[in-house]
Amino acid sequence: MKIRTIFEIQAIIDGRKIPVDIEEFLETERWCKTKEQKIKYGDMDITHYIRAVAKDNEVLSRYQQSRLEDMELSVNQLLVDIKEMRGE
């Protein structure tokens, strides 16, 4: 089921329009690696969307972990430099 369809069904059930910010999001595009083209979030199947978000989060998490490791190395090097400056 497409994400847009889910929101349309919800709008009918709730008796309210789809919020403007959600409409804008549904029109936003992202690169689809398998189709090798841009696809609107609203046209994505819910399963595809969840997998894409999970993958994005995994990539971000790996990036953040890498940055933390880099920062730890920098801090450790600073501590070594400080000790050397003090003659320890």
Protein backbone atom coordinates (compact mmCIF):
# COMPACT_ATOMS: atom_id res chain seq x y z
CA MET A 1 0.00 0.00 0.00
CA LYS A 2 1.33 3.43 -0.94
CA ILE A 3 2.00 5.97 1.80
CA ARG A 4 -0.27 8.50 0.07
CA THR A 5 -3.13 5.96 0.11
CA ILE A 6 -2.65 5.39 3.83
CA PHE A 7 -2.98 9.12 4.52
CA GLU A 8 -6.01 9.38 2.22
CA ILE A 9 -7.72 6.55 4.11
CA GLN A 10 -6.84 8.16 7.42
CA ALA A 11 -8.27 11.48 6.20
CA ILE A 12 -11.56 9.76 5.35
CA ILE A 13 -11.71 7.91 8.66
CA ASP A 14 -10.82 11.01 10.70
CA GLY A 15 -13.01 13.32 8.60
CA ARG A 16 -10.09 15.75 8.18
CA LYS A 17 -7.84 16.86 5.37
CA ILE A 18 -4.29 15.64 5.11
CA PRO A 19 -2.13 18.26 6.87
CA VAL A 20 -0.20 20.60 4.56
CA ASP A 21 3.20 19.58 5.92
CA ILE A 22 2.38 15.92 5.24
CA GLU A 23 1.20 16.77 1.70
CA GLU A 24 4.52 18.54 1.14
CA PHE A 25 6.44 15.57 2.50
CA LEU A 26 4.54 13.17 0.23
CA GLU A 27 5.68 15.26 -2.76
CA THR A 28 9.32 15.21 -1.64
CA GLU A 29 11.55 12.97 -3.73
CA ARG A 30 14.40 10.69 -2.83
CA TRP A 31 16.70 8.61 -5.01
CA CYS A 32 15.55 5.02 -5.46
CA LYS A 33 18.63 2.89 -5.99
CA THR A 34 16.75 -0.14 -7.34
CA LYS A 35 14.70 1.88 -9.86
CA GLU A 36 17.62 4.24 -10.56
CA GLN A 37 15.34 7.26 -10.47
CA LYS A 38 13.77 9.70 -8.05
CA ILE A 39 10.55 8.62 -6.38
CA LYS A 40 8.13 10.66 -4.28
CA TYR A 41 7.66 9.50 -0.71
CA GLY A 42 3.91 9.42 -1.30
CA ASP A 43 4.39 6.94 -4.15
CA MET A 44 6.47 4.60 -2.03
CA ASP A 45 5.02 1.38 -0.72
CA ILE A 46 4.95 1.46 3.09
CA THR A 47 7.36 -1.52 3.24
CA HIS A 48 9.80 0.25 0.90
CA TYR A 49 9.57 3.42 2.97
CA ILE A 50 10.25 1.64 6.27
CA ARG A 51 13.23 -0.20 4.77
CA ALA A 52 14.63 3.04 3.31
CA VAL A 53 14.30 4.88 6.62
CA ALA A 54 15.84 1.96 8.51
CA LYS A 55 18.75 1.89 6.07
CA ASP A 56 19.22 5.67 6.36
CA ASN A 57 19.27 5.34 10.16
CA GLU A 58 21.82 2.52 9.95
CA VAL A 59 24.08 4.58 7.69
CA LEU A 60 23.74 7.60 9.98
CA SER A 61 24.49 5.46 13.02
CA ARG A 62 27.65 4.06 11.39
CA TYR A 63 28.72 7.59 10.45
CA GLN A 64 28.12 8.83 13.99
CA GLN A 65 30.07 5.90 15.43
CA SER A 66 32.95 6.63 13.08
CA ARG A 67 32.93 10.31 14.07
CA LEU A 68 32.93 9.37 17.76
CA GLU A 69 35.92 7.09 17.22
CA ASP A 70 37.74 9.90 15.39
CA MET A 71 36.98 12.30 18.22
CA GLU A 72 38.20 9.78 20.80
CA LEU A 73 41.48 9.41 18.91
CA SER A 74 41.86 13.20 18.79
CA VAL A 75 41.19 13.57 22.51
CA ASN A 76 43.65 10.79 23.32
CA GLN A 77 46.29 12.45 21.14
CA LEU A 78 45.66 15.78 22.88
CA LEU A 79 46.16 14.10 26.26
CA VAL A 80 49.45 12.62 25.05
CA ASP A 81 50.55 16.03 23.74
CA ILE A 82 49.66 17.70 27.06
CA LYS A 83 51.64 15.09 29.00
CA GLU A 84 54.63 15.62 26.72
CA MET A 85 54.42 19.39 27.17
CA ARG A 86 54.41 18.95 30.94
CA GLY A 87 57.35 16.57 30.70
CA GLU A 88 55.43 13.63 32.12
